[in-house]
Amino acid sequence: IFFLFFLQIECLFFDLTCIGQDMELQLPQQLELLLSLVRDAFLNASDAAPAIRRTLLQLIELQASHWQLPGNTVLYYYPSAK
């Protein structure tokens, strides 16, 4: 079950990486609802695997930075990219 949930979170992350900006312009209310659910999931996932919490947090930060993470944030999530 963990693996399936993790895959769903990863798919959501990659989908929003691709279409988040467009959703912000064309479907702002739906995106706001979706991200409020993501925030709730992050806040309520204290016992979830660190990988799931990290991906949820990254998604929140991605939206907050207008769909382009700053370099230092990318290095935080992907330290092997140095």
PDB file of N, CA and C in Angstrom:
ATOM      1  N   ILE A   1       0.824  -1.189   0.000  1.00  0.00           N
ATOM      2  CA  ILE A   1       0.000   0.000   0.000  1.00  0.00           C
ATOM      3  C   ILE A   1       0.866   1.249   0.000  1.00  0.00           C
ATOM      4  N   PHE A   2       1.963   1.251   0.777  1.00  0.00           N
ATOM      5  CA  PHE A   2       2.853   2.406   0.808  1.00  0.00           C
ATOM      6  C   PHE A   2       3.348   2.727  -0.592  1.00  0.00           C
ATOM      7  N   PHE A   3       3.781   1.725  -1.308  1.00  0.00           N
ATOM      8  CA  PHE A   3       4.354   1.949  -2.630  1.00  0.00           C
ATOM      9  C   PHE A   3       3.340   2.580  -3.577  1.00  0.00           C
ATOM     10  N   LEU A   4       2.099   2.118  -3.532  1.00  0.00           N
ATOM     11  CA  LEU A   4       1.062   2.682  -4.407  1.00  0.00           C
ATOM     12  C   LEU A   4       0.767   4.124  -4.044  1.00  0.00           C
ATOM     13  N   PHE A   5       0.692   4.413  -2.752  1.00  0.00           N
ATOM     14  CA  PHE A   5       0.445   5.788  -2.321  1.00  0.00           C
ATOM     15  C   PHE A   5       1.608   6.687  -2.731  1.00  0.00           C
ATOM     16  N   PHE A   6       2.821   6.200  -2.543  1.00  0.00           N
ATOM     17  CA  PHE A   6       3.998   6.975  -2.927  1.00  0.00           C
ATOM     18  C   PHE A   6       3.984   7.251  -4.433  1.00  0.00           C
ATOM     19  N   LEU A   7       3.634   6.264  -5.234  1.00  0.00           N
ATOM     20  CA  LEU A   7       3.553   6.470  -6.683  1.00  0.00           C
ATOM     21  C   LEU A   7       2.501   7.504  -7.040  1.00  0.00           C
ATOM     22  N   GLN A   8       1.382   7.495  -6.361  1.00  0.00           N
ATOM     23  CA  GLN A   8       0.343   8.482  -6.632  1.00  0.00           C
ATOM     24  C   GLN A   8       0.830   9.894  -6.300  1.00  0.00           C
ATOM     25  N   ILE A   9       1.526  10.031  -5.187  1.00  0.00           N
ATOM     26  CA  ILE A   9       2.068  11.338  -4.800  1.00  0.00           C
ATOM     27  C   ILE A   9       3.108  11.793  -5.826  1.00  0.00           C
ATOM     28  N   GLU A  10       3.966  10.872  -6.255  1.00  0.00           N
ATOM     29  CA  GLU A  10       4.975  11.210  -7.262  1.00  0.00           C
ATOM     30  C   GLU A  10       4.317  11.615  -8.584  1.00  0.00           C
ATOM     31  N   CYS A  11       3.287  10.910  -8.988  1.00  0.00           N
ATOM     32  CA  CYS A  11       2.573  11.255 -10.237  1.00  0.00           C
ATOM     33  C   CYS A  11       1.953  12.639 -10.121  1.00  0.00           C
ATOM     34  N   LEU A  12       1.329  12.931  -8.982  1.00  0.00           N
ATOM     35  CA  LEU A  12       0.756  14.256  -8.762  1.00  0.00           C
ATOM     36  C   LEU A  12       1.841  15.323  -8.850  1.00  0.00           C
ATOM     37  N   PHE A  13       2.983  15.060  -8.239  1.00  0.00           N
ATOM     38  CA  PHE A  13       4.088  16.014  -8.278  1.00  0.00           C
ATOM     39  C   PHE A  13       4.525  16.287  -9.722  1.00  0.00           C
ATOM     40  N   PHE A  14       4.741  15.237 -10.490  1.00  0.00           N
ATOM     41  CA  PHE A  14       5.209  15.424 -11.862  1.00  0.00           C
ATOM     42  C   PHE A  14       4.134  16.056 -12.739  1.00  0.00           C
ATOM     43  N   ASP A  15       2.881  15.706 -12.520  1.00  0.00           N
ATOM     44  CA  ASP A  15       1.795  16.339 -13.285  1.00  0.00           C
ATOM     45  C   ASP A  15       1.741  17.835 -13.003  1.00  0.00           C
ATOM     46  N   LEU A  16       1.783  18.195 -11.727  1.00  0.00           N
ATOM     47  CA  LEU A  16       1.705  19.616 -11.391  1.00  0.00           C
ATOM     48  C   LEU A  16       2.962  20.372 -11.791  1.00  0.00           C
ATOM     49  N   THR A  17       4.088  19.688 -11.832  1.00  0.00           N
ATOM     50  CA  THR A  17       5.302  20.335 -12.336  1.00  0.00           C
ATOM     51  C   THR A  17       5.092  20.767 -13.786  1.00  0.00           C
ATOM     52  N   CYS A  18       4.372  19.950 -14.537  1.00  0.00           N
ATOM     53  CA  CYS A  18       4.135  20.236 -15.958  1.00  0.00           C
ATOM     54  C   CYS A  18       2.992  21.225 -16.190  1.00  0.00           C
ATOM     55  N   ILE A  19       1.916  21.120 -15.411  1.00  0.00           N
ATOM     56  CA  ILE A  19       0.739  21.924 -15.719  1.00  0.00           C
ATOM     57  C   ILE A  19       0.339  22.899 -14.619  1.00  0.00           C
ATOM     58  N   GLY A  20       1.123  23.009 -13.570  1.00  0.00           N
ATOM     59  CA  GLY A  20       0.771  23.876 -12.448  1.00  0.00           C
ATOM     60  C   GLY A  20       0.568  25.321 -12.842  1.00  0.00           C
ATOM     61  N   GLN A  21       1.464  25.850 -13.653  1.00  0.00           N
ATOM     62  CA  GLN A  21       1.338  27.242 -14.092  1.00  0.00           C
ATOM     63  C   GLN A  21       0.060  27.449 -14.886  1.00  0.00           C
ATOM     64  N   ASP A  22      -0.241  26.526 -15.781  1.00  0.00           N
ATOM     65  CA  ASP A  22      -1.464  26.635 -16.584  1.00  0.00           C
ATOM     66  C   ASP A  22      -2.705  26.538 -15.701  1.00  0.00           C
ATOM     67  N   MET A  23      -2.675  25.640 -14.734  1.00  0.00           N
ATOM     68  CA  MET A  23      -3.814  25.520 -13.822  1.00  0.00           C
ATOM     69  C   MET A  23      -4.010  26.803 -13.023  1.00  0.00           C
ATOM     70  N   GLU A  24      -2.905  27.414 -12.619  1.00  0.00           N
ATOM     71  CA  GLU A  24      -2.988  28.649 -11.848  1.00  0.00           C
ATOM     72  C   GLU A  24      -3.712  29.736 -12.644  1.00  0.00           C
ATOM     73  N   LEU A  25      -3.486  29.754 -13.949  1.00  0.00           N
ATOM     74  CA  LEU A  25      -4.122  30.754 -14.805  1.00  0.00           C
ATOM     75  C   LEU A  25      -5.544  30.376 -15.203  1.00  0.00           C
ATOM     76  N   GLN A  26      -5.754  29.115 -15.526  1.00  0.00           N
ATOM     77  CA  GLN A  26      -7.034  28.705 -16.100  1.00  0.00           C
ATOM     78  C   GLN A  26      -8.007  28.104 -15.098  1.00  0.00           C
ATOM     79  N   LEU A  27      -7.506  27.476 -14.055  1.00  0.00           N
ATOM     80  CA  LEU A  27      -8.365  26.813 -13.065  1.00  0.00           C
ATOM     81  C   LEU A  27      -7.882  27.129 -11.645  1.00  0.00           C
ATOM     82  N   PRO A  28      -7.814  28.412 -11.303  1.00  0.00           N
ATOM     83  CA  PRO A  28      -7.211  28.767 -10.005  1.00  0.00           C
ATOM     84  C   PRO A  28      -7.954  28.187  -8.805  1.00  0.00           C
ATOM     85  N   GLN A  29      -9.275  28.114  -8.863  1.00  0.00           N
ATOM     86  CA  GLN A  29     -10.016  27.593  -7.710  1.00  0.00           C
ATOM     87  C   GLN A  29      -9.763  26.103  -7.507  1.00  0.00           C
ATOM     88  N   GLN A  30      -9.695  25.354  -8.603  1.00  0.00           N
ATOM     89  CA  GLN A  30      -9.440  23.921  -8.499  1.00  0.00           C
ATOM     90  C   GLN A  30      -8.030  23.672  -7.981  1.00  0.00           C
ATOM     91  N   LEU A  31      -7.069  24.472  -8.453  1.00  0.00           N
ATOM     92  CA  LEU A  31      -5.694  24.326  -7.988  1.00  0.00           C
ATOM     93  C   LEU A  31      -5.604  24.681  -6.508  1.00  0.00           C
ATOM     94  N   GLU A  32      -6.287  25.736  -6.107  1.00  0.00           N
ATOM     95  CA  GLU A  32      -6.279  26.119  -4.693  1.00  0.00           C
ATOM     96  C   GLU A  32      -6.849  25.004  -3.826  1.00  0.00           C
ATOM     97  N   LEU A  33      -7.935  24.387  -4.275  1.00  0.00           N
ATOM     98  CA  LEU A  33      -8.519  23.267  -3.532  1.00  0.00           C
ATOM     99  C   LEU A  33      -7.549  22.090  -3.466  1.00  0.00           C
ATOM    100  N   LEU A  34      -6.949  21.759  -4.593  1.00  0.00           N
ATOM    101  CA  LEU A  34      -6.002  20.651  -4.641  1.00  0.00           C
ATOM    102  C   LEU A  34      -4.830  20.893  -3.698  1.00  0.00           C
ATOM    103  N   LEU A  35      -4.281  22.096  -3.725  1.00  0.00           N
ATOM    104  CA  LEU A  35      -3.133  22.384  -2.866  1.00  0.00           C
ATOM    105  C   LEU A  35      -3.519  22.477  -1.396  1.00  0.00           C
ATOM    106  N   SER A  36      -4.739  22.862  -1.109  1.00  0.00           N
ATOM    107  CA  SER A  36      -5.155  22.824   0.303  1.00  0.00           C
ATOM    108  C   SER A  36      -5.241  21.382   0.781  1.00  0.00           C
ATOM    109  N   LEU A  37      -5.648  20.477  -0.098  1.00  0.00           N
ATOM    110  CA  LEU A  37      -5.653  19.056   0.252  1.00  0.00           C
ATOM    111  C   LEU A  37      -4.232  18.518   0.418  1.00  0.00           C
ATOM    112  N   VAL A  38      -3.330  18.993  -0.415  1.00  0.00           N
ATOM    113  CA  VAL A  38      -1.920  18.593  -0.289  1.00  0.00           C
ATOM    114  C   VAL A  38      -1.361  19.085   1.050  1.00  0.00           C
ATOM    115  N   ARG A  39      -1.659  20.330   1.409  1.00  0.00           N
ATOM    116  CA  ARG A  39      -1.194  20.865   2.703  1.00  0.00           C
ATOM    117  C   ARG A  39      -1.776  20.056   3.867  1.00  0.00           C
ATOM    118  N   ASP A  40      -3.068  19.750   3.784  1.00  0.00           N
ATOM    119  CA  ASP A  40      -3.686  18.948   4.839  1.00  0.00           C
ATOM    120  C   ASP A  40      -3.032  17.572   4.937  1.00  0.00           C
ATOM    121  N   ALA A  41      -2.762  16.975   3.780  1.00  0.00           N
ATOM    122  CA  ALA A  41      -2.111  15.655   3.774  1.00  0.00           C
ATOM    123  C   ALA A  41      -0.727  15.747   4.414  1.00  0.00           C
ATOM    124  N   PHE A  42       0.010  16.804   4.104  1.00  0.00           N
ATOM    125  CA  PHE A  42       1.339  16.978   4.692  1.00  0.00           C
ATOM    126  C   PHE A  42       1.241  17.136   6.208  1.00  0.00           C
ATOM    127  N   LEU A  43       0.321  17.974   6.654  1.00  0.00           N
ATOM    128  CA  LEU A  43       0.186  18.226   8.091  1.00  0.00           C
ATOM    129  C   LEU A  43      -0.301  17.002   8.855  1.00  0.00           C
ATOM    130  N   ASN A  44      -1.096  16.174   8.196  1.00  0.00           N
ATOM    131  CA  ASN A  44      -1.653  14.994   8.860  1.00  0.00           C
ATOM    132  C   ASN A  44      -0.842  13.728   8.619  1.00  0.00           C
ATOM    133  N   ALA A  45       0.277  13.848   7.942  1.00  0.00           N
ATOM    134  CA  ALA A  45       1.076  12.668   7.590  1.00  0.00           C
ATOM    135  C   ALA A  45       2.308  12.542   8.473  1.00  0.00           C
ATOM    136  N   SER A  46       2.183  12.931   9.729  1.00  0.00           N
ATOM    137  CA  SER A  46       3.358  12.895  10.606  1.00  0.00           C
ATOM    138  C   SER A  46       3.921  11.491  10.781  1.00  0.00           C
ATOM    139  N   ASP A  47       3.074  10.483  10.623  1.00  0.00           N
ATOM    140  CA  ASP A  47       3.565   9.112  10.761  1.00  0.00           C
ATOM    141  C   ASP A  47       3.840   8.461   9.408  1.00  0.00           C
ATOM    142  N   ALA A  48       3.722   9.240   8.332  1.00  0.00           N
ATOM    143  CA  ALA A  48       3.976   8.705   6.987  1.00  0.00           C
ATOM    144  C   ALA A  48       5.481   8.611   6.732  1.00  0.00           C
ATOM    145  N   ALA A  49       5.821   7.893   5.712  1.00  0.00           N
ATOM    146  CA  ALA A  49       7.226   7.738   5.336  1.00  0.00           C
ATOM    147  C   ALA A  49       7.822   9.103   4.984  1.00  0.00           C
ATOM    148  N   PRO A  50       9.088   9.317   5.331  1.00  0.00           N
ATOM    149  CA  PRO A  50       9.737  10.591   5.021  1.00  0.00           C
ATOM    150  C   PRO A  50       9.681  10.950   3.528  1.00  0.00           C
ATOM    151  N   ALA A  51       9.750   9.962   2.665  1.00  0.00           N
ATOM    152  CA  ALA A  51       9.712  10.245   1.226  1.00  0.00           C
ATOM    153  C   ALA A  51       8.378  10.868   0.817  1.00  0.00           C
ATOM    154  N   ILE A  52       7.299  10.421   1.427  1.00  0.00           N
ATOM    155  CA  ILE A  52       5.984  10.985   1.112  1.00  0.00           C
ATOM    156  C   ILE A  52       5.886  12.411   1.628  1.00  0.00           C
ATOM    157  N   ARG A  53       6.300  12.624   2.854  1.00  0.00           N
ATOM    158  CA  ARG A  53       6.264  13.988   3.419  1.00  0.00           C
ATOM    159  C   ARG A  53       7.155  14.932   2.628  1.00  0.00           C
ATOM    160  N   ARG A  54       8.318  14.469   2.221  1.00  0.00           N
ATOM    161  CA  ARG A  54       9.243  15.306   1.450  1.00  0.00           C
ATOM    162  C   ARG A  54       8.624  15.711   0.112  1.00  0.00           C
ATOM    163  N   THR A  55       7.968  14.776  -0.563  1.00  0.00           N
ATOM    164  CA  THR A  55       7.361  15.084  -1.853  1.00  0.00           C
ATOM    165  C   THR A  55       6.188  16.048  -1.695  1.00  0.00           C
ATOM    166  N   LEU A  56       5.378  15.862  -0.656  1.00  0.00           N
ATOM    167  CA  LEU A  56       4.279  16.791  -0.406  1.00  0.00           C
ATOM    168  C   LEU A  56       4.811  18.192  -0.119  1.00  0.00           C
ATOM    169  N   LEU A  57       5.849  18.285   0.702  1.00  0.00           N
ATOM    170  CA  LEU A  57       6.445  19.583   1.008  1.00  0.00           C
ATOM    171  C   LEU A  57       7.041  20.213  -0.242  1.00  0.00           C
ATOM    172  N   GLN A  58       7.685  19.419  -1.052  1.00  0.00           N
ATOM    173  CA  GLN A  58       8.271  19.944  -2.283  1.00  0.00           C
ATOM    174  C   GLN A  58       7.180  20.494  -3.202  1.00  0.00           C
ATOM    175  N   LEU A  59       6.067  19.843  -3.256  1.00  0.00           N
ATOM    176  CA  LEU A  59       4.950  20.303  -4.072  1.00  0.00           C
ATOM    177  C   LEU A  59       4.413  21.637  -3.557  1.00  0.00           C
ATOM    178  N   ILE A  60       4.302  21.770  -2.248  1.00  0.00           N
ATOM    179  CA  ILE A  60       3.856  23.035  -1.645  1.00  0.00           C
ATOM    180  C   ILE A  60       4.850  24.143  -1.974  1.00  0.00           C
ATOM    181  N   GLU A  61       6.132  23.858  -1.830  1.00  0.00           N
ATOM    182  CA  GLU A  61       7.156  24.858  -2.122  1.00  0.00           C
ATOM    183  C   GLU A  61       7.204  25.199  -3.604  1.00  0.00           C
ATOM    184  N   LEU A  62       6.971  24.231  -4.442  1.00  0.00           N
ATOM    185  CA  LEU A  62       6.975  24.470  -5.886  1.00  0.00           C
ATOM    186  C   LEU A  62       5.892  25.475  -6.259  1.00  0.00           C
ATOM    187  N   GLN A  63       4.700  25.302  -5.737  1.00  0.00           N
ATOM    188  CA  GLN A  63       3.617  26.238  -6.019  1.00  0.00           C
ATOM    189  C   GLN A  63       3.934  27.613  -5.435  1.00  0.00           C
ATOM    190  N   ALA A  64       4.465  27.640  -4.224  1.00  0.00           N
ATOM    191  CA  ALA A  64       4.788  28.914  -3.573  1.00  0.00           C
ATOM    192  C   ALA A  64       5.860  29.694  -4.328  1.00  0.00           C
ATOM    193  N   SER A  65       6.722  28.981  -5.042  1.00  0.00           N
ATOM    194  CA  SER A  65       7.786  29.655  -5.807  1.00  0.00           C
ATOM    195  C   SER A  65       7.399  29.815  -7.279  1.00  0.00           C
ATOM    196  N   HIS A  66       6.103  29.771  -7.541  1.00  0.00           N
ATOM    197  CA  HIS A  66       5.564  29.968  -8.896  1.00  0.00           C
ATOM    198  C   HIS A  66       6.097  28.960  -9.897  1.00  0.00           C
ATOM    199  N   TRP A  67       6.175  27.701  -9.451  1.00  0.00           N
ATOM    200  CA  TRP A  67       6.470  26.543 -10.293  1.00  0.00           C
ATOM    201  C   TRP A  67       7.909  26.508 -10.785  1.00  0.00           C
ATOM    202  N   GLN A  68       8.798  27.236 -10.130  1.00  0.00           N
ATOM    203  CA  GLN A  68      10.225  27.178 -10.455  1.00  0.00           C
ATOM    204  C   GLN A  68      11.002  27.256  -9.144  1.00  0.00           C
ATOM    205  N   LEU A  69      11.486  26.099  -8.675  1.00  0.00           N
ATOM    206  CA  LEU A  69      12.219  26.078  -7.411  1.00  0.00           C
ATOM    207  C   LEU A  69      13.569  26.759  -7.562  1.00  0.00           C
ATOM    208  N   PRO A  70      13.958  27.561  -6.567  1.00  0.00           N
ATOM    209  CA  PRO A  70      15.297  28.156  -6.574  1.00  0.00           C
ATOM    210  C   PRO A  70      16.364  27.061  -6.455  1.00  0.00           C
ATOM    211  N   GLY A  71      17.556  27.365  -6.927  1.00  0.00           N
ATOM    212  CA  GLY A  71      18.642  26.396  -6.950  1.00  0.00           C
ATOM    213  C   GLY A  71      18.943  25.766  -5.606  1.00  0.00           C
ATOM    214  N   ASN A  72      18.966  26.572  -4.537  1.00  0.00           N
ATOM    215  CA  ASN A  72      19.280  26.000  -3.224  1.00  0.00           C
ATOM    216  C   ASN A  72      18.189  25.039  -2.756  1.00  0.00           C
ATOM    217  N   THR A  73      16.953  25.269  -3.149  1.00  0.00           N
ATOM    218  CA  THR A  73      15.866  24.361  -2.792  1.00  0.00           C
ATOM    219  C   THR A  73      15.984  23.055  -3.561  1.00  0.00           C
ATOM    220  N   VAL A  74      16.348  23.154  -4.828  1.00  0.00           N
ATOM    221  CA  VAL A  74      16.558  21.949  -5.637  1.00  0.00           C
ATOM    222  C   VAL A  74      17.666  21.106  -5.011  1.00  0.00           C
ATOM    223  N   LEU A  75      18.735  21.753  -4.568  1.00  0.00           N
ATOM    224  CA  LEU A  75      19.836  21.016  -3.934  1.00  0.00           C
ATOM    225  C   LEU A  75      19.389  20.366  -2.629  1.00  0.00           C
ATOM    226  N   TYR A  76      18.458  20.983  -1.930  1.00  0.00           N
ATOM    227  CA  TYR A  76      17.947  20.379  -0.706  1.00  0.00           C
ATOM    228  C   TYR A  76      17.231  19.058  -1.022  1.00  0.00           C
ATOM    229  N   TYR A  77      16.390  19.090  -2.048  1.00  0.00           N
ATOM    230  CA  TYR A  77      15.623  17.890  -2.392  1.00  0.00           C
ATOM    231  C   TYR A  77      16.438  16.863  -3.177  1.00  0.00           C
ATOM    232  N   TYR A  78      17.434  17.345  -3.899  1.00  0.00           N
ATOM    233  CA  TYR A  78      18.258  16.444  -4.714  1.00  0.00           C
ATOM    234  C   TYR A  78      19.733  16.730  -4.439  1.00  0.00           C
ATOM    235  N   PRO A  79      20.225  16.332  -3.257  1.00  0.00           N
ATOM    236  CA  PRO A  79      21.609  16.657  -2.887  1.00  0.00           C
ATOM    237  C   PRO A  79      22.653  16.060  -3.825  1.00  0.00           C
ATOM    238  N   SER A  80      22.321  15.001  -4.522  1.00  0.00           N
ATOM    239  CA  SER A  80      23.293  14.423  -5.447  1.00  0.00           C
ATOM    240  C   SER A  80      23.470  15.262  -6.711  1.00  0.00           C
ATOM    241  N   ALA A  81      22.690  16.325  -6.859  1.00  0.00           N
ATOM    242  CA  ALA A  81      22.783  17.185  -8.053  1.00  0.00           C
ATOM    243  C   ALA A  81      23.931  18.195  -7.944  1.00  0.00           C
ATOM    244  N   LYS A  82      24.639  18.193  -6.830  1.00  0.00           N
ATOM    245  CA  LYS A  82      25.742  19.163  -6.622  1.00  0.00           C
ATOM    246  C   LYS A  82      26.827  18.983  -7.654  1.00  0.00           C
TER     247      LYS A  82
END
